[in-house]
Amino acid sequence: MNLNRKEWLAVVNVYAASKKALKFWKTAEKLLVQKNVSFSCCLTGECGNAFEITLNACRQGQRKLIAVGGDGTAHDVLNGIMAYVDESGSPDVSVSDFTLAIIPVGSGNDWVKSLGISADLDVVTDLIASGSFGRQDVVKASIFEDAACQKVVSSSYMVNIGGVGLDAGVCEMVNKAKMQGKRGKILYVTALLRNLAIRKPLHVRLFCDGVKVFDGNYLSLAIGVGRYSGGGMRQTPSAVLDDGLFDVTLIPDLPVMTIARKAPKLFTGTFDTVKELVVSKCRSALILPVQESSLVEVDGEVVGRSPVRFDVLDEQINVLSSSGTSR
């Protein structure tokens, strides 16, 4: 790649939107040229995956990146950025040096809802051309080898929402369906219902900023700096992208009928008012399985199993936003 760090690099996930992303990109590309935005682009496949493209570009000095795809593409580009920050080991390299824009052409596009970004290509390219950017928090998820939490076996970064338990099971089922070419919001609802039907409540201990806030059987747990996930569900409806905190929503082991009565609140922005839930705002959350571990997802991607700790980074990343500031 021959890059100019002053211009944008568009990382185009050709597999997004049922492999229609390239068609959308061609339209967006013309709009960016018309609006005098300086950019180059790399397509996944011929240049590697989105993570590899981003990491290699950052090594060459790239600091302005456009993720062309859905939430998964944004996640991969973010993690390419963070892999470079981590490998540099230099105090002079920070996530705040980077700007991440997104042209949302995926199937879910949940993160952009909190940013106030339209899926209209003309509108989103206008935002890029006009320099409508703010800052938002980045969260690191560290997967531990065991409950002693002495050794981190893997880590991943997120800009939207992560989850443990049933939430991650839903993501795993949806991702498998997408690999079979299926699309649409109904995938998330179907996966939620199926996971509820086979749910297996597990014992967990939840610590927020070092304080134990829950010890018992639970169904699902969400960690969010963004408000939307699962094609528009709002597990953390009061989350703020740039307040230095994330929201925690834990669903205890509840009767099926109670879950059924409260489920509509997932779509109305009032889910955190359900009195049976455990809700919190914090900078660090540790999820310890007491017996059996649970799946962990970050921005819709399954990244391992608990125990896991989520931490807000000290530095924020620059992101595209409809108002020029994170919402």
C-alpha atoms as a PDB file:
ATOM      1  CA  MET A   1       0.000   0.000   0.000  1.00  0.00           C
ATOM      2  CA  ASN A   2       1.234   3.463  -0.908  1.00  0.00           C
ATOM      3  CA  LEU A   3      -0.368   5.700   1.685  1.00  0.00           C
ATOM      4  CA  ASN A   4      -0.574   9.378   2.463  1.00  0.00           C
ATOM      5  CA  ARG A   5      -1.251   9.766   6.178  1.00  0.00           C
ATOM      6  CA  LYS A   6      -3.013  13.096   5.541  1.00  0.00           C
ATOM      7  CA  GLU A   7      -5.710  11.443   3.446  1.00  0.00           C
ATOM      8  CA  TRP A   8      -8.314   8.864   4.368  1.00  0.00           C
ATOM      9  CA  LEU A   9      -7.937   5.147   3.894  1.00  0.00           C
ATOM     10  CA  ALA A  10     -11.241   3.425   3.199  1.00  0.00           C
ATOM     11  CA  VAL A  11     -11.222  -0.210   4.317  1.00  0.00           C
ATOM     12  CA  VAL A  12     -13.981  -1.806   2.257  1.00  0.00           C
ATOM     13  CA  ASN A  13     -15.424  -5.084   3.499  1.00  0.00           C
ATOM     14  CA  VAL A  14     -16.654  -6.598   0.241  1.00  0.00           C
ATOM     15  CA  TYR A  15     -18.491  -9.324   2.167  1.00  0.00           C
ATOM     16  CA  ALA A  16     -20.738  -6.928   4.115  1.00  0.00           C
ATOM     17  CA  ALA A  17     -24.425  -6.492   3.274  1.00  0.00           C
ATOM     18  CA  SER A  18     -24.657  -9.932   1.655  1.00  0.00           C
ATOM     19  CA  LYS A  19     -21.676  -9.061  -0.540  1.00  0.00           C
ATOM     20  CA  LYS A  20     -23.379  -5.898  -1.821  1.00  0.00           C
ATOM     21  CA  ALA A  21     -20.996  -3.557   0.012  1.00  0.00           C
ATOM     22  CA  LEU A  22     -18.786  -3.037  -3.040  1.00  0.00           C
ATOM     23  CA  LYS A  23     -21.760  -1.739  -5.000  1.00  0.00           C
ATOM     24  CA  PHE A  24     -22.564   0.749  -2.217  1.00  0.00           C
ATOM     25  CA  TRP A  25     -18.897   1.726  -1.997  1.00  0.00           C
ATOM     26  CA  LYS A  26     -18.778   2.617  -5.693  1.00  0.00           C
ATOM     27  CA  THR A  27     -21.560   5.128  -5.068  1.00  0.00           C
ATOM     28  CA  ALA A  28     -19.897   6.474  -1.921  1.00  0.00           C
ATOM     29  CA  GLU A  29     -16.563   6.700  -3.737  1.00  0.00           C
ATOM     30  CA  LYS A  30     -18.047   8.971  -6.403  1.00  0.00           C
ATOM     31  CA  LEU A  31     -19.638  11.168  -3.730  1.00  0.00           C
ATOM     32  CA  LEU A  32     -16.343  11.538  -1.838  1.00  0.00           C
ATOM     33  CA  VAL A  33     -14.589  12.578  -5.057  1.00  0.00           C
ATOM     34  CA  GLN A  34     -17.338  15.127  -5.805  1.00  0.00           C
ATOM     35  CA  LYS A  35     -16.918  16.544  -2.298  1.00  0.00           C
ATOM     36  CA  ASN A  36     -13.126  16.852  -2.657  1.00  0.00           C
ATOM     37  CA  VAL A  37     -12.306  14.283   0.037  1.00  0.00           C
ATOM     38  CA  SER A  38      -8.789  12.922  -0.425  1.00  0.00           C
ATOM     39  CA  PHE A  39      -8.707   9.149   0.053  1.00  0.00           C
ATOM     40  CA  SER A  40      -7.390   5.806  -1.092  1.00  0.00           C
ATOM     41  CA  CYS A  41      -9.060   2.448  -0.563  1.00  0.00           C
ATOM     42  CA  CYS A  42      -8.290  -1.193   0.103  1.00  0.00           C
ATOM     43  CA  LEU A  43     -10.704  -4.059  -0.458  1.00  0.00           C
ATOM     44  CA  THR A  44     -10.828  -7.024   1.871  1.00  0.00           C
ATOM     45  CA  GLY A  45      -9.744 -10.216   0.175  1.00  0.00           C
ATOM     46  CA  GLU A  46      -7.171  -8.771  -2.182  1.00  0.00           C
ATOM     47  CA  CYS A  47      -5.442  -6.792   0.582  1.00  0.00           C
ATOM     48  CA  GLY A  48      -6.204  -9.133   3.514  1.00  0.00           C
ATOM     49  CA  ASN A  49      -8.985  -8.824   6.058  1.00  0.00           C
ATOM     50  CA  ALA A  50     -10.041  -5.505   7.590  1.00  0.00           C
ATOM     51  CA  PHE A  51      -7.917  -6.052  10.712  1.00  0.00           C
ATOM     52  CA  GLU A  52      -4.774  -6.836   8.707  1.00  0.00           C
ATOM     53  CA  ILE A  53      -5.300  -3.953   6.285  1.00  0.00           C
ATOM     54  CA  THR A  54      -5.704  -1.503   9.158  1.00  0.00           C
ATOM     55  CA  LEU A  55      -2.743  -2.763  11.163  1.00  0.00           C
ATOM     56  CA  ASN A  56      -0.417  -2.594   8.157  1.00  0.00           C
ATOM     57  CA  ALA A  57      -1.707   0.866   7.240  1.00  0.00           C
ATOM     58  CA  CYS A  58      -1.142   2.169  10.770  1.00  0.00           C
ATOM     59  CA  ARG A  59       2.416   0.842  10.668  1.00  0.00           C
ATOM     60  CA  GLN A  60       2.923   2.985   7.565  1.00  0.00           C
ATOM     61  CA  GLY A  61       1.636   6.093   9.293  1.00  0.00           C
ATOM     62  CA  GLN A  62      -2.066   6.045   8.450  1.00  0.00           C
ATOM     63  CA  ARG A  63      -4.172   7.821  11.060  1.00  0.00           C
ATOM     64  CA  LYS A  64      -7.519   8.463   9.322  1.00  0.00           C
ATOM     65  CA  LEU A  65      -9.603   5.411   8.457  1.00  0.00           C
ATOM     66  CA  ILE A  66     -13.075   4.799   7.054  1.00  0.00           C
ATOM     67  CA  ALA A  67     -14.710   1.449   7.786  1.00  0.00           C
ATOM     68  CA  VAL A  68     -17.014   0.591   4.881  1.00  0.00           C
ATOM     69  CA  GLY A  69     -19.321  -2.142   6.151  1.00  0.00           C
ATOM     70  CA  GLY A  70     -21.264  -2.891   9.295  1.00  0.00           C
ATOM     71  CA  ASP A  71     -20.512  -3.140  12.998  1.00  0.00           C
ATOM     72  CA  GLY A  72     -18.175  -6.084  12.433  1.00  0.00           C
ATOM     73  CA  THR A  73     -16.078  -4.060   9.983  1.00  0.00           C
ATOM     74  CA  ALA A  74     -15.858  -1.132  12.406  1.00  0.00           C
ATOM     75  CA  HIS A  75     -14.823  -3.592  15.117  1.00  0.00           C
ATOM     76  CA  ASP A  76     -12.052  -5.053  12.940  1.00  0.00           C
ATOM     77  CA  VAL A  77     -10.726  -1.626  11.940  1.00  0.00           C
ATOM     78  CA  LEU A  78     -10.733  -0.471  15.570  1.00  0.00           C
ATOM     79  CA  ASN A  79      -8.858  -3.590  16.626  1.00  0.00           C
ATOM     80  CA  GLY A  80      -6.313  -3.074  13.857  1.00  0.00           C
ATOM     81  CA  ILE A  81      -5.725   0.426  15.230  1.00  0.00           C
ATOM     82  CA  MET A  82      -5.408  -0.858  18.797  1.00  0.00           C
ATOM     83  CA  ALA A  83      -3.079  -3.687  17.755  1.00  0.00           C
ATOM     84  CA  TYR A  84      -0.734  -1.030  16.379  1.00  0.00           C
ATOM     85  CA  VAL A  85      -1.039   1.121  19.513  1.00  0.00           C
ATOM     86  CA  ASP A  86      -0.296  -1.921  21.693  1.00  0.00           C
ATOM     87  CA  GLU A  87       2.642  -3.169  19.641  1.00  0.00           C
ATOM     88  CA  SER A  88       4.263   0.255  19.472  1.00  0.00           C
ATOM     89  CA  GLY A  89       4.651   0.353  23.252  1.00  0.00           C
ATOM     90  CA  SER A  90       5.387   4.062  22.966  1.00  0.00           C
ATOM     91  CA  PRO A  91       3.813   6.735  25.175  1.00  0.00           C
ATOM     92  CA  ASP A  92       3.874   8.953  22.083  1.00  0.00           C
ATOM     93  CA  VAL A  93       1.367   6.682  20.301  1.00  0.00           C
ATOM     94  CA  SER A  94      -2.213   6.932  21.518  1.00  0.00           C
ATOM     95  CA  VAL A  95      -5.643   5.944  20.289  1.00  0.00           C
ATOM     96  CA  SER A  96      -6.469   9.670  20.350  1.00  0.00           C
ATOM     97  CA  ASP A  97      -4.109  10.076  17.358  1.00  0.00           C
ATOM     98  CA  PHE A  98      -6.609   8.192  15.194  1.00  0.00           C
ATOM     99  CA  THR A  99      -9.863   9.119  13.515  1.00  0.00           C
ATOM    100  CA  LEU A 100     -12.418   6.431  12.680  1.00  0.00           C
ATOM    101  CA  ALA A 101     -15.275   7.130  10.291  1.00  0.00           C
ATOM    102  CA  ILE A 102     -17.828   4.634   9.044  1.00  0.00           C
ATOM    103  CA  ILE A 103     -19.886   4.343   5.902  1.00  0.00           C
ATOM    104  CA  PRO A 104     -22.600   1.999   7.235  1.00  0.00           C
ATOM    105  CA  VAL A 105     -23.518  -0.582   4.608  1.00  0.00           C
ATOM    106  CA  GLY A 106     -23.804  -3.644   6.860  1.00  0.00           C
ATOM    107  CA  SER A 107     -26.843  -5.542   8.076  1.00  0.00           C
ATOM    108  CA  GLY A 108     -27.058  -4.298  11.674  1.00  0.00           C
ATOM    109  CA  ASN A 109     -25.426  -0.862  11.759  1.00  0.00           C
ATOM    110  CA  ASP A 110     -26.093  -0.443  15.480  1.00  0.00           C
ATOM    111  CA  TRP A 111     -23.097   1.669  16.512  1.00  0.00           C
ATOM    112  CA  VAL A 112     -23.970   4.472  14.089  1.00  0.00           C
ATOM    113  CA  LYS A 113     -27.389   4.893  15.693  1.00  0.00           C
ATOM    114  CA  SER A 114     -25.719   6.252  18.842  1.00  0.00           C
ATOM    115  CA  LEU A 115     -23.506   8.480  16.682  1.00  0.00           C
ATOM    116  CA  GLY A 116     -26.568   9.852  14.919  1.00  0.00           C
ATOM    117  CA  ILE A 117     -25.199   8.823  11.528  1.00  0.00           C
ATOM    118  CA  SER A 118     -27.614   8.191   8.674  1.00  0.00           C
ATOM    119  CA  ALA A 119     -27.256   5.230   6.336  1.00  0.00           C
ATOM    120  CA  ASP A 120     -27.877   7.673   3.463  1.00  0.00           C
ATOM    121  CA  LEU A 121     -24.596   7.732   1.526  1.00  0.00           C
ATOM    122  CA  ASP A 122     -24.960  11.372   0.513  1.00  0.00           C
ATOM    123  CA  VAL A 123     -25.494  12.425   4.138  1.00  0.00           C
ATOM    124  CA  VAL A 124     -22.654  10.354   5.599  1.00  0.00           C
ATOM    125  CA  THR A 125     -20.153  11.507   2.957  1.00  0.00           C
ATOM    126  CA  ASP A 126     -21.217  15.099   3.704  1.00  0.00           C
ATOM    127  CA  LEU A 127     -20.267  14.517   7.336  1.00  0.00           C
ATOM    128  CA  ILE A 128     -16.838  13.219   6.336  1.00  0.00           C
ATOM    129  CA  ALA A 129     -16.281  16.115   3.941  1.00  0.00           C
ATOM    130  CA  SER A 130     -17.346  18.719   6.511  1.00  0.00           C
ATOM    131  CA  GLY A 131     -15.185  17.262   9.298  1.00  0.00           C
ATOM    132  CA  SER A 132     -18.031  16.443  11.669  1.00  0.00           C
ATOM    133  CA  PHE A 133     -16.116  14.591  14.362  1.00  0.00           C
ATOM    134  CA  GLY A 134     -16.127  14.134  18.110  1.00  0.00           C
ATOM    135  CA  ARG A 135     -14.497  11.774  20.587  1.00  0.00           C
ATOM    136  CA  GLN A 136     -15.797   8.659  22.225  1.00  0.00           C
ATOM    137  CA  ASP A 137     -14.664   6.019  24.684  1.00  0.00           C
ATOM    138  CA  VAL A 138     -13.018   2.729  23.775  1.00  0.00           C
ATOM    139  CA  VAL A 139     -13.385  -0.332  26.009  1.00  0.00           C
ATOM    140  CA  LYS A 140     -10.904  -3.194  26.330  1.00  0.00           C
ATOM    141  CA  ALA A 141     -12.187  -6.707  27.050  1.00  0.00           C
ATOM    142  CA  SER A 142      -9.560  -8.987  28.623  1.00  0.00           C
ATOM    143  CA  ILE A 143     -10.233 -12.739  28.659  1.00  0.00           C
ATOM    144  CA  PHE A 144      -8.519 -14.567  31.539  1.00  0.00           C
ATOM    145  CA  GLU A 145      -7.197 -18.106  31.611  1.00  0.00           C
ATOM    146  CA  ASP A 146      -9.111 -18.968  34.782  1.00  0.00           C
ATOM    147  CA  ALA A 147     -10.930 -17.490  37.764  1.00  0.00           C
ATOM    148  CA  ALA A 148      -7.642 -16.504  39.403  1.00  0.00           C
ATOM    149  CA  CYS A 149      -7.429 -13.741  36.736  1.00  0.00           C
ATOM    150  CA  GLN A 150      -3.634 -13.834  36.709  1.00  0.00           C
ATOM    151  CA  LYS A 151      -3.102 -14.476  33.009  1.00  0.00           C
ATOM    152  CA  VAL A 152      -4.807 -12.719  30.089  1.00  0.00           C
ATOM    153  CA  VAL A 153      -5.128 -15.142  27.167  1.00  0.00           C
ATOM    154  CA  SER A 154      -6.680 -12.683  24.694  1.00  0.00           C
ATOM    155  CA  SER A 155      -8.045  -9.172  24.463  1.00  0.00           C
ATOM    156  CA  SER A 156     -10.383  -7.264  22.186  1.00  0.00           C
ATOM    157  CA  TYR A 157     -11.558  -3.659  21.916  1.00  0.00           C
ATOM    158  CA  MET A 158     -15.043  -2.271  21.403  1.00  0.00           C
ATOM    159  CA  VAL A 159     -16.794   0.987  20.528  1.00  0.00           C
ATOM    160  CA  ASN A 160     -20.374  -0.123  21.072  1.00  0.00           C
ATOM    161  CA  ILE A 161     -21.654  -3.030  23.190  1.00  0.00           C
ATOM    162  CA  GLY A 162     -20.310  -6.306  24.522  1.00  0.00           C
ATOM    163  CA  GLY A 163     -22.041  -9.095  26.372  1.00  0.00           C
ATOM    164  CA  VAL A 164     -21.720 -12.293  28.355  1.00  0.00           C
ATOM    165  CA  GLY A 165     -24.064 -15.259  28.551  1.00  0.00           C
ATOM    166  CA  LEU A 166     -27.309 -15.302  26.561  1.00  0.00           C
ATOM    167  CA  ASP A 167     -26.350 -12.069  24.784  1.00  0.00           C
ATOM    168  CA  ALA A 168     -23.217 -13.700  23.368  1.00  0.00           C
ATOM    169  CA  GLY A 169     -25.163 -16.827  22.478  1.00  0.00           C
ATOM    170  CA  VAL A 170     -27.508 -14.693  20.381  1.00  0.00           C
ATOM    171  CA  CYS A 171     -24.536 -13.126  18.566  1.00  0.00           C
ATOM    172  CA  GLU A 172     -23.027 -16.531  17.865  1.00  0.00           C
ATOM    173  CA  MET A 173     -26.303 -17.805  16.387  1.00  0.00           C
ATOM    174  CA  VAL A 174     -26.821 -14.656  14.302  1.00  0.00           C
ATOM    175  CA  ASN A 175     -23.277 -14.768  12.922  1.00  0.00           C
ATOM    176  CA  LYS A 176     -23.749 -18.387  11.842  1.00  0.00           C
ATOM    177  CA  ALA A 177     -26.982 -17.417  10.083  1.00  0.00           C
ATOM    178  CA  LYS A 178     -25.216 -14.540   8.311  1.00  0.00           C
ATOM    179  CA  MET A 179     -22.551 -16.941   7.061  1.00  0.00           C
ATOM    180  CA  GLN A 180     -25.399 -18.865   5.424  1.00  0.00           C
ATOM    181  CA  GLY A 181     -26.467 -15.705   3.616  1.00  0.00           C
ATOM    182  CA  LYS A 182     -29.408 -14.818   5.860  1.00  0.00           C
ATOM    183  CA  ARG A 183     -30.076 -11.177   6.726  1.00  0.00           C
ATOM    184  CA  GLY A 184     -32.585  -8.924   8.479  1.00  0.00           C
ATOM    185  CA  LYS A 185     -33.558  -7.842  11.981  1.00  0.00           C
ATOM    186  CA  ILE A 186     -35.676 -10.965  12.353  1.00  0.00           C
ATOM    187  CA  LEU A 187     -32.423 -12.903  12.758  1.00  0.00           C
ATOM    188  CA  TYR A 188     -31.790 -11.234  16.113  1.00  0.00           C
ATOM    189  CA  VAL A 189     -35.328 -11.748  17.385  1.00  0.00           C
ATOM    190  CA  THR A 190     -35.327 -15.392  16.291  1.00  0.00           C
ATOM    191  CA  ALA A 191     -31.930 -16.007  17.889  1.00  0.00           C
ATOM    192  CA  LEU A 192     -33.098 -14.343  21.112  1.00  0.00           C
ATOM    193  CA  LEU A 193     -36.188 -16.529  21.313  1.00  0.00           C
ATOM    194  CA  ARG A 194     -34.247 -19.697  20.557  1.00  0.00           C
ATOM    195  CA  ASN A 195     -31.610 -18.895  23.162  1.00  0.00           C
ATOM    196  CA  LEU A 196     -34.290 -18.164  25.737  1.00  0.00           C
ATOM    197  CA  ALA A 197     -35.869 -21.548  25.008  1.00  0.00           C
ATOM    198  CA  ILE A 198     -32.596 -23.398  25.666  1.00  0.00           C
ATOM    199  CA  ARG A 199     -31.289 -21.021  28.301  1.00  0.00           C
ATOM    200  CA  LYS A 200     -29.156 -22.389  31.094  1.00  0.00           C
ATOM    201  CA  PRO A 201     -28.845 -19.963  34.021  1.00  0.00           C
ATOM    202  CA  LEU A 202     -25.315 -19.882  35.408  1.00  0.00           C
ATOM    203  CA  HIS A 203     -23.843 -18.572  38.634  1.00  0.00           C
ATOM    204  CA  VAL A 204     -21.737 -15.444  38.227  1.00  0.00           C
ATOM    205  CA  ARG A 205     -20.133 -12.759  40.354  1.00  0.00           C
ATOM    206  CA  LEU A 206     -20.117  -9.233  38.956  1.00  0.00           C
ATOM    207  CA  PHE A 207     -17.758  -6.546  40.263  1.00  0.00           C
ATOM    208  CA  CYS A 208     -18.115  -2.926  39.141  1.00  0.00           C
ATOM    209  CA  ASP A 209     -15.109  -0.713  39.917  1.00  0.00           C
ATOM    210  CA  GLY A 210     -14.012  -3.328  42.453  1.00  0.00           C
ATOM    211  CA  VAL A 211     -17.358  -3.543  44.284  1.00  0.00           C
ATOM    212  CA  LYS A 212     -19.382  -6.758  44.086  1.00  0.00           C
ATOM    213  CA  VAL A 213     -22.848  -5.830  42.809  1.00  0.00           C
ATOM    214  CA  PHE A 214     -24.226  -9.283  41.997  1.00  0.00           C
ATOM    215  CA  ASP A 215     -23.640 -12.869  43.096  1.00  0.00           C
ATOM    216  CA  GLY A 216     -26.137 -15.417  41.801  1.00  0.00           C
ATOM    217  CA  ASN A 217     -27.705 -17.028  38.752  1.00  0.00           C
ATOM    218  CA  TYR A 218     -28.053 -14.860  35.659  1.00  0.00           C
ATOM    219  CA  LEU A 219     -29.196 -15.136  32.057  1.00  0.00           C
ATOM    220  CA  SER A 220     -27.342 -12.339  30.302  1.00  0.00           C
ATOM    221  CA  LEU A 221     -25.120  -9.335  30.869  1.00  0.00           C
ATOM    222  CA  ALA A 222     -24.491  -6.335  28.596  1.00  0.00           C
ATOM    223  CA  ILE A 223     -21.674  -3.775  28.741  1.00  0.00           C
ATOM    224  CA  GLY A 224     -22.250  -0.699  26.592  1.00  0.00           C
ATOM    225  CA  VAL A 225     -20.805   2.666  25.659  1.00  0.00           C
ATOM    226  CA  GLY A 226     -23.352   2.691  22.846  1.00  0.00           C
ATOM    227  CA  ARG A 227     -27.085   2.213  23.230  1.00  0.00           C
ATOM    228  CA  TYR A 228     -28.076  -0.111  20.387  1.00  0.00           C
ATOM    229  CA  SER A 229     -27.312  -3.730  19.535  1.00  0.00           C
ATOM    230  CA  GLY A 230     -28.976  -6.709  17.898  1.00  0.00           C
ATOM    231  CA  GLY A 231     -30.506  -4.741  15.045  1.00  0.00           C
ATOM    232  CA  GLY A 232     -31.966  -1.983  17.229  1.00  0.00           C
ATOM    233  CA  MET A 233     -32.470  -3.523  20.668  1.00  0.00           C
ATOM    234  CA  ARG A 234     -31.446  -1.261  23.558  1.00  0.00           C
ATOM    235  CA  GLN A 235     -29.896  -3.229  26.390  1.00  0.00           C
ATOM    236  CA  THR A 236     -28.025  -0.173  27.674  1.00  0.00           C
ATOM    237  CA  PRO A 237     -30.422   2.622  26.670  1.00  0.00           C
ATOM    238  CA  SER A 238     -28.874   5.296  28.901  1.00  0.00           C
ATOM    239  CA  ALA A 239     -25.263   4.797  27.799  1.00  0.00           C
ATOM    240  CA  VAL A 240     -23.270   7.873  26.728  1.00  0.00           C
ATOM    241  CA  LEU A 241     -20.460   7.448  24.215  1.00  0.00           C
ATOM    242  CA  ASP A 242     -18.037   9.953  25.696  1.00  0.00           C
ATOM    243  CA  ASP A 243     -18.635  10.137  29.473  1.00  0.00           C
ATOM    244  CA  GLY A 244     -15.674   7.940  30.472  1.00  0.00           C
ATOM    245  CA  LEU A 245     -18.017   5.195  31.705  1.00  0.00           C
ATOM    246  CA  PHE A 246     -19.924   2.241  30.346  1.00  0.00           C
ATOM    247  CA  ASP A 247     -23.376   1.011  31.337  1.00  0.00           C
ATOM    248  CA  VAL A 248     -23.918  -2.470  32.750  1.00  0.00           C
ATOM    249  CA  THR A 249     -27.218  -4.328  32.487  1.00  0.00           C
ATOM    250  CA  LEU A 250     -27.461  -7.769  34.079  1.00  0.00           C
ATOM    251  CA  ILE A 251     -30.552  -9.949  33.679  1.00  0.00           C
ATOM    252  CA  PRO A 252     -30.917 -12.351  36.625  1.00  0.00           C
ATOM    253  CA  ASP A 253     -32.508 -15.772  36.271  1.00  0.00           C
ATOM    254  CA  LEU A 254     -36.148 -14.750  35.806  1.00  0.00           C
ATOM    255  CA  PRO A 255     -39.323 -16.749  35.070  1.00  0.00           C
ATOM    256  CA  VAL A 256     -40.148 -17.068  31.379  1.00  0.00           C
ATOM    257  CA  MET A 257     -43.383 -15.106  31.735  1.00  0.00           C
ATOM    258  CA  THR A 258     -41.570 -12.219  33.417  1.00  0.00           C
ATOM    259  CA  ILE A 259     -39.071 -12.118  30.577  1.00  0.00           C
ATOM    260  CA  ALA A 260     -41.895 -12.150  28.030  1.00  0.00           C
ATOM    261  CA  ARG A 261     -43.650  -9.213  29.730  1.00  0.00           C
ATOM    262  CA  LYS A 262     -40.489  -7.107  29.954  1.00  0.00           C
ATOM    263  CA  ALA A 263     -39.012  -7.930  26.524  1.00  0.00           C
ATOM    264  CA  PRO A 264     -40.836  -5.104  24.651  1.00  0.00           C
ATOM    265  CA  LYS A 265     -38.894  -2.586  26.745  1.00  0.00           C
ATOM    266  CA  LEU A 266     -35.770  -3.698  24.845  1.00  0.00           C
ATOM    267  CA  PHE A 267     -37.124  -1.783  21.862  1.00  0.00           C
ATOM    268  CA  THR A 268     -38.556   1.297  23.590  1.00  0.00           C
ATOM    269  CA  GLY A 269     -35.462   2.609  25.377  1.00  0.00           C
ATOM    270  CA  THR A 270     -36.895   1.827  28.821  1.00  0.00           C
ATOM    271  CA  PHE A 271     -35.253  -1.529  29.502  1.00  0.00           C
ATOM    272  CA  ASP A 272     -33.112  -0.148  32.328  1.00  0.00           C
ATOM    273  CA  THR A 273     -36.282   0.746  34.267  1.00  0.00           C
ATOM    274  CA  VAL A 274     -37.125  -2.946  34.799  1.00  0.00           C
ATOM    275  CA  LYS A 275     -36.789  -3.323  38.574  1.00  0.00           C
ATOM    276  CA  GLU A 276     -35.557  -6.926  38.420  1.00  0.00           C
ATOM    277  CA  LEU A 277     -32.413  -5.938  36.516  1.00  0.00           C
ATOM    278  CA  VAL A 278     -29.022  -5.035  37.977  1.00  0.00           C
ATOM    279  CA  VAL A 279     -27.831  -1.791  36.348  1.00  0.00           C
ATOM    280  CA  SER A 280     -24.671   0.197  36.950  1.00  0.00           C
ATOM    281  CA  LYS A 281     -22.280   2.735  35.445  1.00  0.00           C
ATOM    282  CA  CYS A 282     -18.547   2.176  35.906  1.00  0.00           C
ATOM    283  CA  ARG A 283     -15.089   2.235  34.329  1.00  0.00           C
ATOM    284  CA  SER A 284     -14.230  -1.396  35.028  1.00  0.00           C
ATOM    285  CA  ALA A 285     -16.317  -4.567  35.322  1.00  0.00           C
ATOM    286  CA  LEU A 286     -15.095  -8.051  36.210  1.00  0.00           C
ATOM    287  CA  ILE A 287     -17.314 -11.024  35.383  1.00  0.00           C
ATOM    288  CA  LEU A 288     -16.333 -14.195  37.255  1.00  0.00           C
ATOM    289  CA  PRO A 289     -18.062 -17.511  36.563  1.00  0.00           C
ATOM    290  CA  VAL A 290     -18.535 -19.515  39.753  1.00  0.00           C
ATOM    291  CA  GLN A 291     -18.701 -22.893  38.042  1.00  0.00           C
ATOM    292  CA  GLU A 292     -19.240 -22.905  34.272  1.00  0.00           C
ATOM    293  CA  SER A 293     -17.897 -20.192  31.968  1.00  0.00           C
ATOM    294  CA  SER A 294     -19.995 -18.272  29.437  1.00  0.00           C
ATOM    295  CA  LEU A 295     -19.439 -16.955  25.927  1.00  0.00           C
ATOM    296  CA  VAL A 296     -18.227 -13.362  25.605  1.00  0.00           C
ATOM    297  CA  GLU A 297     -18.998 -11.090  22.652  1.00  0.00           C
ATOM    298  CA  VAL A 298     -17.648  -7.668  21.738  1.00  0.00           C
ATOM    299  CA  ASP A 299     -19.400  -5.507  19.114  1.00  0.00           C
ATOM    300  CA  GLY A 300     -21.277  -8.611  17.984  1.00  0.00           C
ATOM    301  CA  GLU A 301     -18.167 -10.783  17.603  1.00  0.00           C
ATOM    302  CA  VAL A 302     -17.640 -13.769  19.939  1.00  0.00           C
ATOM    303  CA  VAL A 303     -14.120 -13.387  21.394  1.00  0.00           C
ATOM    304  CA  GLY A 304     -13.847 -16.097  24.061  1.00  0.00           C
ATOM    305  CA  ARG A 305     -15.286 -17.234  27.373  1.00  0.00           C
ATOM    306  CA  SER A 306     -15.435 -15.766  30.859  1.00  0.00           C
ATOM    307  CA  PRO A 307     -13.838 -14.791  33.160  1.00  0.00           C
ATOM    308  CA  VAL A 308     -13.516 -11.408  31.493  1.00  0.00           C
ATOM    309  CA  ARG A 309     -12.802  -7.836  32.548  1.00  0.00           C
ATOM    310  CA  PHE A 310     -14.007  -4.767  30.686  1.00  0.00           C
ATOM    311  CA  ASP A 311     -12.063  -1.494  31.127  1.00  0.00           C
ATOM    312  CA  VAL A 312     -12.556   1.990  29.674  1.00  0.00           C
ATOM    313  CA  LEU A 313      -9.309   3.294  28.175  1.00  0.00           C
ATOM    314  CA  ASP A 314      -7.918   6.587  29.443  1.00  0.00           C
ATOM    315  CA  GLU A 315      -7.699   7.996  25.915  1.00  0.00           C
ATOM    316  CA  GLN A 316     -10.627   8.439  23.529  1.00  0.00           C
ATOM    317  CA  ILE A 317     -10.767   7.923  19.773  1.00  0.00           C
ATOM    318  CA  ASN A 318     -11.970  10.506  17.249  1.00  0.00           C
ATOM    319  CA  VAL A 319     -15.142   9.357  15.493  1.00  0.00           C
ATOM    320  CA  LEU A 320     -17.547  10.570  12.846  1.00  0.00           C
ATOM    321  CA  SER A 321     -20.653  12.086  14.424  1.00  0.00           C
ATOM    322  CA  SER A 322     -23.704  13.893  13.084  1.00  0.00           C
ATOM    323  CA  SER A 323     -23.311  16.760  15.556  1.00  0.00           C
ATOM    324  CA  GLY A 324     -19.524  17.028  15.588  1.00  0.00           C
ATOM    325  CA  THR A 325     -19.494  15.675  19.122  1.00  0.00           C
ATOM    326  CA  SER A 326     -20.234  12.227  20.504  1.00  0.00           C
ATOM    327  CA  ARG A 327     -23.841  11.715  21.545  1.00  0.00           C
END
